[in-house]
Amino acid sequence: MYAILETGGKQYRVERGSILQVETLHAEVGQTLELKPVRFISTGEELLRGQPVIEGAHVQATVIRNGRTRSITVFKKKRRKNYRKTRGHRQSFTQLRVDDIVTG
């Protein structure tokens, strides 16, 4: 059984027990969340497709940790103009463990 859900402007394919890293959700470690909207659910025998979402369906997940990714360097340059700019960026994330997929 798997589902396709949307969070943080991105879609993720999740199964029960899978771990995923999503855009920052303001939740404490150990807290249980209901993730909506769910776009698609496959139970093995049956396919549920949303138009565009499945009403009443959600994914229950537990927050494992909140953190930040490794630093990347952003370098900008304009040739022959003596323009150079160096910046760094670290993206925040929330790591989740999927506990259950509820079809509603």
PDB file of N, CA and C in Angstrom:
ATOM      1  N   MET A   1       0.845  -1.175   0.000  1.00  0.00           N
ATOM      2  CA  MET A   1       0.000   0.000   0.000  1.00  0.00           C
ATOM      3  C   MET A   1       0.892   1.242   0.000  1.00  0.00           C
ATOM      4  N   TYR A   2       0.579   2.179  -0.889  1.00  0.00           N
ATOM      5  CA  TYR A   2       1.328   3.421  -0.917  1.00  0.00           C
ATOM      6  C   TYR A   2       0.398   4.578  -1.251  1.00  0.00           C
ATOM      7  N   ALA A   3       0.879   5.784  -0.984  1.00  0.00           N
ATOM      8  CA  ALA A   3       0.093   6.989  -1.253  1.00  0.00           C
ATOM      9  C   ALA A   3       1.012   8.060  -1.820  1.00  0.00           C
ATOM     10  N   ILE A   4       0.417   8.982  -2.544  1.00  0.00           N
ATOM     11  CA  ILE A   4       1.134  10.156  -3.014  1.00  0.00           C
ATOM     12  C   ILE A   4       0.505  11.352  -2.326  1.00  0.00           C
ATOM     13  N   LEU A   5       1.334  12.071  -1.551  1.00  0.00           N
ATOM     14  CA  LEU A   5       0.823  13.218  -0.810  1.00  0.00           C
ATOM     15  C   LEU A   5       1.601  14.457  -1.198  1.00  0.00           C
ATOM     16  N   GLU A   6       1.033  15.609  -0.866  1.00  0.00           N
ATOM     17  CA  GLU A   6       1.669  16.875  -1.190  1.00  0.00           C
ATOM     18  C   GLU A   6       1.912  17.658   0.092  1.00  0.00           C
ATOM     19  N   THR A   7       3.144  18.149   0.243  1.00  0.00           N
ATOM     20  CA  THR A   7       3.488  19.017   1.356  1.00  0.00           C
ATOM     21  C   THR A   7       4.675  19.875   0.945  1.00  0.00           C
ATOM     22  N   GLY A   8       4.638  21.113   1.310  1.00  0.00           N
ATOM     23  CA  GLY A   8       5.718  22.028   0.982  1.00  0.00           C
ATOM     24  C   GLY A   8       5.858  22.287  -0.504  1.00  0.00           C
ATOM     25  N   GLY A   9       4.757  22.141  -1.276  1.00  0.00           N
ATOM     26  CA  GLY A   9       4.799  22.380  -2.712  1.00  0.00           C
ATOM     27  C   GLY A   9       5.381  21.229  -3.515  1.00  0.00           C
ATOM     28  N   LYS A  10       5.653  20.105  -2.874  1.00  0.00           N
ATOM     29  CA  LYS A  10       6.214  18.950  -3.563  1.00  0.00           C
ATOM     30  C   LYS A  10       5.352  17.723  -3.284  1.00  0.00           C
ATOM     31  N   GLN A  11       5.421  16.744  -4.167  1.00  0.00           N
ATOM     32  CA  GLN A  11       4.678  15.513  -3.994  1.00  0.00           C
ATOM     33  C   GLN A  11       5.644  14.382  -3.645  1.00  0.00           C
ATOM     34  N   TYR A  12       5.214  13.515  -2.725  1.00  0.00           N
ATOM     35  CA  TYR A  12       6.048  12.419  -2.240  1.00  0.00           C
ATOM     36  C   TYR A  12       5.261  11.113  -2.319  1.00  0.00           C
ATOM     37  N   ARG A  13       5.945  10.031  -2.723  1.00  0.00           N
ATOM     38  CA  ARG A  13       5.354   8.695  -2.704  1.00  0.00           C
ATOM     39  C   ARG A  13       5.803   8.050  -1.400  1.00  0.00           C
ATOM     40  N   VAL A  14       4.837   7.674  -0.556  1.00  0.00           N
ATOM     41  CA  VAL A  14       5.167   7.133   0.763  1.00  0.00           C
ATOM     42  C   VAL A  14       4.478   5.786   0.981  1.00  0.00           C
ATOM     43  N   GLU A  15       5.119   4.959   1.778  1.00  0.00           N
ATOM     44  CA  GLU A  15       4.563   3.684   2.224  1.00  0.00           C
ATOM     45  C   GLU A  15       4.619   3.663   3.740  1.00  0.00           C
ATOM     46  N   ARG A  16       3.891   2.752   4.355  1.00  0.00           N
ATOM     47  CA  ARG A  16       3.913   2.622   5.805  1.00  0.00           C
ATOM     48  C   ARG A  16       5.320   2.228   6.248  1.00  0.00           C
ATOM     49  N   GLY A  17       5.877   2.985   7.204  1.00  0.00           N
ATOM     50  CA  GLY A  17       7.211   2.717   7.703  1.00  0.00           C
ATOM     51  C   GLY A  17       8.313   3.469   6.984  1.00  0.00           C
ATOM     52  N   SER A  18       7.989   4.158   5.897  1.00  0.00           N
ATOM     53  CA  SER A  18       9.040   4.878   5.162  1.00  0.00           C
ATOM     54  C   SER A  18       9.407   6.182   5.872  1.00  0.00           C
ATOM     55  N   ILE A  19      10.609   6.641   5.609  1.00  0.00           N
ATOM     56  CA  ILE A  19      11.106   7.880   6.200  1.00  0.00           C
ATOM     57  C   ILE A  19      11.301   8.880   5.073  1.00  0.00           C
ATOM     58  N   LEU A  20      10.790  10.104   5.268  1.00  0.00           N
ATOM     59  CA  LEU A  20      10.955  11.114   4.249  1.00  0.00           C
ATOM     60  C   LEU A  20      11.373  12.440   4.867  1.00  0.00           C
ATOM     61  N   GLN A  21      12.035  13.225   4.050  1.00  0.00           N
ATOM     62  CA  GLN A  21      12.554  14.517   4.477  1.00  0.00           C
ATOM     63  C   GLN A  21      11.808  15.584   3.686  1.00  0.00           C
ATOM     64  N   VAL A  22      11.052  16.437   4.397  1.00  0.00           N
ATOM     65  CA  VAL A  22      10.198  17.437   3.755  1.00  0.00           C
ATOM     66  C   VAL A  22      10.615  18.840   4.184  1.00  0.00           C
ATOM     67  N   GLU A  23      10.023  19.838   3.538  1.00  0.00           N
ATOM     68  CA  GLU A  23      10.247  21.221   3.939  1.00  0.00           C
ATOM     69  C   GLU A  23       9.838  21.371   5.408  1.00  0.00           C
ATOM     70  N   THR A  24      10.377  22.362   6.080  1.00  0.00           N
ATOM     71  CA  THR A  24      10.177  22.537   7.517  1.00  0.00           C
ATOM     72  C   THR A  24       8.698  22.599   7.886  1.00  0.00           C
ATOM     73  N   LEU A  25       8.309  21.758   8.837  1.00  0.00           N
ATOM     74  CA  LEU A  25       6.983  21.799   9.446  1.00  0.00           C
ATOM     75  C   LEU A  25       7.203  22.210  10.898  1.00  0.00           C
ATOM     76  N   HIS A  26       6.406  23.109  11.398  1.00  0.00           N
ATOM     77  CA  HIS A  26       6.589  23.589  12.765  1.00  0.00           C
ATOM     78  C   HIS A  26       5.941  22.607  13.732  1.00  0.00           C
ATOM     79  N   ALA A  27       6.722  21.572  14.086  1.00  0.00           N
ATOM     80  CA  ALA A  27       6.247  20.523  14.987  1.00  0.00           C
ATOM     81  C   ALA A  27       7.427  20.042  15.823  1.00  0.00           C
ATOM     82  N   GLU A  28       7.120  19.584  17.014  1.00  0.00           N
ATOM     83  CA  GLU A  28       8.134  19.078  17.932  1.00  0.00           C
ATOM     84  C   GLU A  28       8.491  17.634  17.592  1.00  0.00           C
ATOM     85  N   VAL A  29       9.675  17.215  17.995  1.00  0.00           N
ATOM     86  CA  VAL A  29      10.114  15.837  17.796  1.00  0.00           C
ATOM     87  C   VAL A  29       9.212  14.914  18.606  1.00  0.00           C
ATOM     88  N   GLY A  30       8.740  13.836  17.976  1.00  0.00           N
ATOM     89  CA  GLY A  30       7.835  12.899  18.628  1.00  0.00           C
ATOM     90  C   GLY A  30       6.362  13.201  18.403  1.00  0.00           C
ATOM     91  N   GLN A  31       6.055  14.360  17.882  1.00  0.00           N
ATOM     92  CA  GLN A  31       4.666  14.752  17.643  1.00  0.00           C
ATOM     93  C   GLN A  31       4.122  14.005  16.425  1.00  0.00           C
ATOM     94  N   THR A  32       2.839  13.626  16.475  1.00  0.00           N
ATOM     95  CA  THR A  32       2.177  12.950  15.366  1.00  0.00           C
ATOM     96  C   THR A  32       1.424  13.976  14.529  1.00  0.00           C
ATOM     97  N   LEU A  33       1.591  13.883  13.212  1.00  0.00           N
ATOM     98  CA  LEU A  33       0.962  14.831  12.292  1.00  0.00           C
ATOM     99  C   LEU A  33       0.041  14.102  11.336  1.00  0.00           C
ATOM    100  N   GLU A  34      -0.982  14.813  10.853  1.00  0.00           N
ATOM    101  CA  GLU A  34      -1.817  14.326   9.764  1.00  0.00           C
ATOM    102  C   GLU A  34      -1.465  15.143   8.535  1.00  0.00           C
ATOM    103  N   LEU A  35      -0.918  14.479   7.527  1.00  0.00           N
ATOM    104  CA  LEU A  35      -0.498  15.168   6.316  1.00  0.00           C
ATOM    105  C   LEU A  35      -1.590  15.082   5.261  1.00  0.00           C
ATOM    106  N   LYS A  36      -2.007  16.235   4.782  1.00  0.00           N
ATOM    107  CA  LYS A  36      -3.004  16.345   3.730  1.00  0.00           C
ATOM    108  C   LYS A  36      -2.487  17.373   2.746  1.00  0.00           C
ATOM    109  N   PRO A  37      -2.869  17.429   1.533  1.00  0.00           N
ATOM    110  CA  PRO A  37      -3.803  16.573   0.798  1.00  0.00           C
ATOM    111  C   PRO A  37      -3.127  15.316   0.244  1.00  0.00           C
ATOM    112  N   VAL A  38      -3.932  14.262   0.112  1.00  0.00           N
ATOM    113  CA  VAL A  38      -3.483  13.017  -0.485  1.00  0.00           C
ATOM    114  C   VAL A  38      -4.038  12.977  -1.904  1.00  0.00           C
ATOM    115  N   ARG A  39      -3.159  12.774  -2.880  1.00  0.00           N
ATOM    116  CA  ARG A  39      -3.542  12.804  -4.293  1.00  0.00           C
ATOM    117  C   ARG A  39      -3.931  11.422  -4.824  1.00  0.00           C
ATOM    118  N   PHE A  40      -3.298  10.362  -4.287  1.00  0.00           N
ATOM    119  CA  PHE A  40      -3.464   9.026  -4.868  1.00  0.00           C
ATOM    120  C   PHE A  40      -3.168   7.988  -3.796  1.00  0.00           C
ATOM    121  N   ILE A  41      -3.947   6.903  -3.791  1.00  0.00           N
ATOM    122  CA  ILE A  41      -3.701   5.786  -2.872  1.00  0.00           C
ATOM    123  C   ILE A  41      -3.837   4.486  -3.652  1.00  0.00           C
ATOM    124  N   SER A  42      -2.868   3.590  -3.467  1.00  0.00           N
ATOM    125  CA  SER A  42      -2.927   2.257  -4.040  1.00  0.00           C
ATOM    126  C   SER A  42      -2.931   1.257  -2.897  1.00  0.00           C
ATOM    127  N   THR A  43      -3.980   0.432  -2.814  1.00  0.00           N
ATOM    128  CA  THR A  43      -4.077  -0.557  -1.750  1.00  0.00           C
ATOM    129  C   THR A  43      -3.616  -1.940  -2.195  1.00  0.00           C
ATOM    130  N   GLY A  44      -3.252  -2.101  -3.448  1.00  0.00           N
ATOM    131  CA  GLY A  44      -2.866  -3.407  -3.972  1.00  0.00           C
ATOM    132  C   GLY A  44      -3.903  -3.897  -4.947  1.00  0.00           C
ATOM    133  N   GLU A  45      -5.150  -3.974  -4.483  1.00  0.00           N
ATOM    134  CA  GLU A  45      -6.255  -4.390  -5.353  1.00  0.00           C
ATOM    135  C   GLU A  45      -6.982  -3.184  -5.940  1.00  0.00           C
ATOM    136  N   GLU A  46      -6.912  -2.068  -5.245  1.00  0.00           N
ATOM    137  CA  GLU A  46      -7.743  -0.912  -5.596  1.00  0.00           C
ATOM    138  C   GLU A  46      -6.876   0.343  -5.737  1.00  0.00           C
ATOM    139  N   LEU A  47      -7.231   1.179  -6.701  1.00  0.00           N
ATOM    140  CA  LEU A  47      -6.562   2.461  -6.904  1.00  0.00           C
ATOM    141  C   LEU A  47      -7.557   3.578  -6.636  1.00  0.00           C
ATOM    142  N   LEU A  48      -7.204   4.484  -5.735  1.00  0.00           N
ATOM    143  CA  LEU A  48      -8.042   5.641  -5.438  1.00  0.00           C
ATOM    144  C   LEU A  48      -7.325   6.877  -5.973  1.00  0.00           C
ATOM    145  N   ARG A  49      -7.977   7.575  -6.901  1.00  0.00           N
ATOM    146  CA  ARG A  49      -7.372   8.741  -7.519  1.00  0.00           C
ATOM    147  C   ARG A  49      -8.204   9.958  -7.178  1.00  0.00           C
ATOM    148  N   GLY A  50      -7.546  11.009  -6.707  1.00  0.00           N
ATOM    149  CA  GLY A  50      -8.239  12.226  -6.328  1.00  0.00           C
ATOM    150  C   GLY A  50      -8.527  13.104  -7.518  1.00  0.00           C
ATOM    151  N   GLN A  51      -9.537  13.957  -7.365  1.00  0.00           N
ATOM    152  CA  GLN A  51      -9.939  14.861  -8.430  1.00  0.00           C
ATOM    153  C   GLN A  51     -10.016  16.280  -7.914  1.00  0.00           C
ATOM    154  N   PRO A  52      -9.024  16.973  -7.460  1.00  0.00           N
ATOM    155  CA  PRO A  52      -7.604  16.624  -7.464  1.00  0.00           C
ATOM    156  C   PRO A  52      -7.123  15.918  -6.197  1.00  0.00           C
ATOM    157  N   VAL A  53      -7.929  15.921  -5.095  1.00  0.00           N
ATOM    158  CA  VAL A  53      -7.493  15.250  -3.865  1.00  0.00           C
ATOM    159  C   VAL A  53      -8.557  14.260  -3.425  1.00  0.00           C
ATOM    160  N   ILE A  54      -8.155  13.315  -2.574  1.00  0.00           N
ATOM    161  CA  ILE A  54      -9.089  12.340  -2.011  1.00  0.00           C
ATOM    162  C   ILE A  54      -9.636  12.925  -0.720  1.00  0.00           C
ATOM    163  N   GLU A  55     -10.933  13.146  -0.662  1.00  0.00           N
ATOM    164  CA  GLU A  55     -11.571  13.740   0.515  1.00  0.00           C
ATOM    165  C   GLU A  55     -11.514  12.779   1.698  1.00  0.00           C
ATOM    166  N   GLY A  56     -11.111  13.275   2.852  1.00  0.00           N
ATOM    167  CA  GLY A  56     -11.073  12.490   4.075  1.00  0.00           C
ATOM    168  C   GLY A  56      -9.835  11.627   4.248  1.00  0.00           C
ATOM    169  N   ALA A  57      -8.999  11.555   3.231  1.00  0.00           N
ATOM    170  CA  ALA A  57      -7.788  10.737   3.326  1.00  0.00           C
ATOM    171  C   ALA A  57      -6.646  11.577   3.899  1.00  0.00           C
ATOM    172  N   HIS A  58      -5.800  10.930   4.687  1.00  0.00           N
ATOM    173  CA  HIS A  58      -4.615  11.592   5.216  1.00  0.00           C
ATOM    174  C   HIS A  58      -3.562  10.549   5.559  1.00  0.00           C
ATOM    175  N   VAL A  59      -2.354  11.033   5.767  1.00  0.00           N
ATOM    176  CA  VAL A  59      -1.231  10.179   6.138  1.00  0.00           C
ATOM    177  C   VAL A  59      -0.795  10.585   7.538  1.00  0.00           C
ATOM    178  N   GLN A  60      -0.722   9.608   8.451  1.00  0.00           N
ATOM    179  CA  GLN A  60      -0.257   9.884   9.802  1.00  0.00           C
ATOM    180  C   GLN A  60       1.246   9.645   9.858  1.00  0.00           C
ATOM    181  N   ALA A  61       1.961  10.641  10.371  1.00  0.00           N
ATOM    182  CA  ALA A  61       3.424  10.545  10.433  1.00  0.00           C
ATOM    183  C   ALA A  61       3.912  11.095  11.765  1.00  0.00           C
ATOM    184  N   THR A  62       5.059  10.599  12.208  1.00  0.00           N
ATOM    185  CA  THR A  62       5.690  11.052  13.436  1.00  0.00           C
ATOM    186  C   THR A  62       6.969  11.801  13.090  1.00  0.00           C
ATOM    187  N   VAL A  63       7.193  12.931  13.760  1.00  0.00           N
ATOM    188  CA  VAL A  63       8.381  13.729  13.525  1.00  0.00           C
ATOM    189  C   VAL A  63       9.580  13.040  14.191  1.00  0.00           C
ATOM    190  N   ILE A  64      10.599  12.744  13.401  1.00  0.00           N
ATOM    191  CA  ILE A  64      11.814  12.118  13.918  1.00  0.00           C
ATOM    192  C   ILE A  64      12.813  13.188  14.341  1.00  0.00           C
ATOM    193  N   ARG A  65      13.018  14.178  13.469  1.00  0.00           N
ATOM    194  CA  ARG A  65      13.938  15.253  13.824  1.00  0.00           C
ATOM    195  C   ARG A  65      13.736  16.459  12.914  1.00  0.00           C
ATOM    196  N   ASN A  66      14.168  17.602  13.409  1.00  0.00           N
ATOM    197  CA  ASN A  66      14.220  18.838  12.640  1.00  0.00           C
ATOM    198  C   ASN A  66      15.691  19.177  12.465  1.00  0.00           C
ATOM    199  N   GLY A  67      16.074  19.632  11.291  1.00  0.00           N
ATOM    200  CA  GLY A  67      17.484  19.919  11.078  1.00  0.00           C
ATOM    201  C   GLY A  67      17.695  20.802   9.868  1.00  0.00           C
ATOM    202  N   ARG A  68      18.956  20.894   9.481  1.00  0.00           N
ATOM    203  CA  ARG A  68      19.336  21.677   8.319  1.00  0.00           C
ATOM    204  C   ARG A  68      20.286  20.852   7.464  1.00  0.00           C
ATOM    205  N   THR A  69      20.206  21.024   6.148  1.00  0.00           N
ATOM    206  CA  THR A  69      21.058  20.277   5.233  1.00  0.00           C
ATOM    207  C   THR A  69      22.474  20.830   5.240  1.00  0.00           C
ATOM    208  N   ARG A  70      23.360  20.201   4.503  1.00  0.00           N
ATOM    209  CA  ARG A  70      24.729  20.693   4.383  1.00  0.00           C
ATOM    210  C   ARG A  70      24.739  22.034   3.680  1.00  0.00           C
ATOM    211  N   SER A  71      25.753  22.820   3.921  1.00  0.00           N
ATOM    212  CA  SER A  71      25.879  24.143   3.327  1.00  0.00           C
ATOM    213  C   SER A  71      26.272  24.045   1.858  1.00  0.00           C
ATOM    214  N   ILE A  72      25.652  24.893   1.027  1.00  0.00           N
ATOM    215  CA  ILE A  72      26.055  25.013  -0.368  1.00  0.00           C
ATOM    216  C   ILE A  72      26.567  26.426  -0.583  1.00  0.00           C
ATOM    217  N   THR A  73      27.424  26.598  -1.574  1.00  0.00           N
ATOM    218  CA  THR A  73      27.972  27.906  -1.893  1.00  0.00           C
ATOM    219  C   THR A  73      27.306  28.425  -3.154  1.00  0.00           C
ATOM    220  N   VAL A  74      26.790  29.641  -3.080  1.00  0.00           N
ATOM    221  CA  VAL A  74      26.173  30.300  -4.224  1.00  0.00           C
ATOM    222  C   VAL A  74      27.127  31.409  -4.649  1.00  0.00           C
ATOM    223  N   PHE A  75      27.660  31.309  -5.877  1.00  0.00           N
ATOM    224  CA  PHE A  75      28.636  32.288  -6.360  1.00  0.00           C
ATOM    225  C   PHE A  75      28.073  32.976  -7.593  1.00  0.00           C
ATOM    226  N   LYS A  76      28.047  34.306  -7.576  1.00  0.00           N
ATOM    227  CA  LYS A  76      27.569  35.091  -8.708  1.00  0.00           C
ATOM    228  C   LYS A  76      28.716  35.933  -9.238  1.00  0.00           C
ATOM    229  N   LYS A  77      28.767  36.069 -10.570  1.00  0.00           N
ATOM    230  CA  LYS A  77      29.830  36.843 -11.185  1.00  0.00           C
ATOM    231  C   LYS A  77      29.332  37.438 -12.490  1.00  0.00           C
ATOM    232  N   LYS A  78      29.747  38.666 -12.769  1.00  0.00           N
ATOM    233  CA  LYS A  78      29.492  39.289 -14.071  1.00  0.00           C
ATOM    234  C   LYS A  78      30.849  39.611 -14.684  1.00  0.00           C
ATOM    235  N   ARG A  79      31.113  39.039 -15.795  1.00  0.00           N
ATOM    236  CA  ARG A  79      32.436  39.199 -16.381  1.00  0.00           C
ATOM    237  C   ARG A  79      32.690  40.642 -16.817  1.00  0.00           C
ATOM    238  N   ARG A  80      33.938  41.009 -16.685  1.00  0.00           N
ATOM    239  CA  ARG A  80      34.428  42.341 -17.061  1.00  0.00           C
ATOM    240  C   ARG A  80      33.798  43.481 -16.262  1.00  0.00           C
ATOM    241  N   LYS A  81      33.064  43.217 -15.200  1.00  0.00           N
ATOM    242  CA  LYS A  81      32.431  44.274 -14.402  1.00  0.00           C
ATOM    243  C   LYS A  81      32.954  44.318 -12.968  1.00  0.00           C
ATOM    244  N   ASN A  82      33.916  43.446 -12.657  1.00  0.00           N
ATOM    245  CA  ASN A  82      34.464  43.346 -11.304  1.00  0.00           C
ATOM    246  C   ASN A  82      33.370  43.111 -10.263  1.00  0.00           C
ATOM    247  N   TYR A  83      32.375  42.285 -10.627  1.00  0.00           N
ATOM    248  CA  TYR A  83      31.270  41.969  -9.720  1.00  0.00           C
ATOM    249  C   TYR A  83      31.373  40.504  -9.334  1.00  0.00           C
ATOM    250  N   ARG A  84      31.555  40.251  -8.039  1.00  0.00           N
ATOM    251  CA  ARG A  84      31.574  38.894  -7.511  1.00  0.00           C
ATOM    252  C   ARG A  84      30.846  38.889  -6.170  1.00  0.00           C
ATOM    253  N   LYS A  85      30.018  37.882  -5.966  1.00  0.00           N
ATOM    254  CA  LYS A  85      29.291  37.774  -4.701  1.00  0.00           C
ATOM    255  C   LYS A  85      29.240  36.305  -4.298  1.00  0.00           C
ATOM    256  N   THR A  86      29.617  36.006  -3.082  1.00  0.00           N
ATOM    257  CA  THR A  86      29.588  34.638  -2.573  1.00  0.00           C
ATOM    258  C   THR A  86      28.652  34.582  -1.380  1.00  0.00           C
ATOM    259  N   ARG A  87      27.742  33.658  -1.422  1.00  0.00           N
ATOM    260  CA  ARG A  87      26.793  33.444  -0.337  1.00  0.00           C
ATOM    261  C   ARG A  87      26.735  31.954  -0.021  1.00  0.00           C
ATOM    262  N   GLY A  88      26.281  31.649   1.177  1.00  0.00           N
ATOM    263  CA  GLY A  88      26.049  30.263   1.560  1.00  0.00           C
ATOM    264  C   GLY A  88      24.570  30.067   1.846  1.00  0.00           C
ATOM    265  N   HIS A  89      24.116  28.815   1.776  1.00  0.00           N
ATOM    266  CA  HIS A  89      22.710  28.523   2.057  1.00  0.00           C
ATOM    267  C   HIS A  89      22.593  27.149   2.693  1.00  0.00           C
ATOM    268  N   ARG A  90      21.769  27.073   3.750  1.00  0.00           N
ATOM    269  CA  ARG A  90      21.430  25.797   4.370  1.00  0.00           C
ATOM    270  C   ARG A  90      19.912  25.720   4.449  1.00  0.00           C
ATOM    271  N   GLN A  91      19.337  24.679   3.855  1.00  0.00           N
ATOM    272  CA  GLN A  91      17.892  24.513   3.828  1.00  0.00           C
ATOM    273  C   GLN A  91      17.442  23.768   5.086  1.00  0.00           C
ATOM    274  N   SER A  92      16.395  24.264   5.741  1.00  0.00           N
ATOM    275  CA  SER A  92      15.828  23.584   6.909  1.00  0.00           C
ATOM    276  C   SER A  92      14.898  22.467   6.442  1.00  0.00           C
ATOM    277  N   PHE A  93      14.818  21.404   7.244  1.00  0.00           N
ATOM    278  CA  PHE A  93      13.945  20.282   6.890  1.00  0.00           C
ATOM    279  C   PHE A  93      13.366  19.650   8.146  1.00  0.00           C
ATOM    280  N   THR A  94      12.338  18.842   7.941  1.00  0.00           N
ATOM    281  CA  THR A  94      11.738  18.007   8.979  1.00  0.00           C
ATOM    282  C   THR A  94      11.755  16.578   8.467  1.00  0.00           C
ATOM    283  N   GLN A  95      12.250  15.649   9.282  1.00  0.00           N
ATOM    284  CA  GLN A  95      12.295  14.242   8.899  1.00  0.00           C
ATOM    285  C   GLN A  95      11.121  13.527   9.557  1.00  0.00           C
ATOM    286  N   LEU A  96      10.354  12.773   8.744  1.00  0.00           N
ATOM    287  CA  LEU A  96       9.130  12.116   9.209  1.00  0.00           C
ATOM    288  C   LEU A  96       9.207  10.620   8.980  1.00  0.00           C
ATOM    289  N   ARG A  97       8.537   9.858   9.850  1.00  0.00           N
ATOM    290  CA  ARG A  97       8.321   8.424   9.662  1.00  0.00           C
ATOM    291  C   ARG A  97       6.838   8.217   9.454  1.00  0.00           C
ATOM    292  N   VAL A  98       6.455   7.564   8.380  1.00  0.00           N
ATOM    293  CA  VAL A  98       5.040   7.343   8.056  1.00  0.00           C
ATOM    294  C   VAL A  98       4.525   6.177   8.897  1.00  0.00           C
ATOM    295  N   ASP A  99       3.478   6.439   9.693  1.00  0.00           N
ATOM    296  CA  ASP A  99       2.896   5.417  10.556  1.00  0.00           C
ATOM    297  C   ASP A  99       1.720   4.707   9.906  1.00  0.00           C
ATOM    298  N   ASP A 100       0.874   5.465   9.203  1.00  0.00           N
ATOM    299  CA  ASP A 100      -0.339   4.876   8.666  1.00  0.00           C
ATOM    300  C   ASP A 100      -0.856   5.711   7.505  1.00  0.00           C
ATOM    301  N   ILE A 101      -1.550   5.046   6.582  1.00  0.00           N
ATOM    302  CA  ILE A 101      -2.234   5.718   5.478  1.00  0.00           C
ATOM    303  C   ILE A 101      -3.728   5.467   5.667  1.00  0.00           C
ATOM    304  N   VAL A 102      -4.484   6.550   5.905  1.00  0.00           N
ATOM    305  CA  VAL A 102      -5.918   6.443   6.163  1.00  0.00           C
ATOM    306  C   VAL A 102      -6.673   6.866   4.923  1.00  0.00           C
ATOM    307  N   THR A 103      -7.536   5.964   4.412  1.00  0.00           N
ATOM    308  CA  THR A 103      -8.246   6.251   3.167  1.00  0.00           C
ATOM    309  C   THR A 103      -9.482   7.107   3.379  1.00  0.00           C
ATOM    310  N   GLY A 104      -9.990   7.164   4.589  1.00  0.00           N
ATOM    311  CA  GLY A 104     -11.134   8.018   4.885  1.00  0.00           C
ATOM    312  C   GLY A 104     -12.382   7.423   4.396  1.00  0.00           C
TER     313      GLY A 104
END
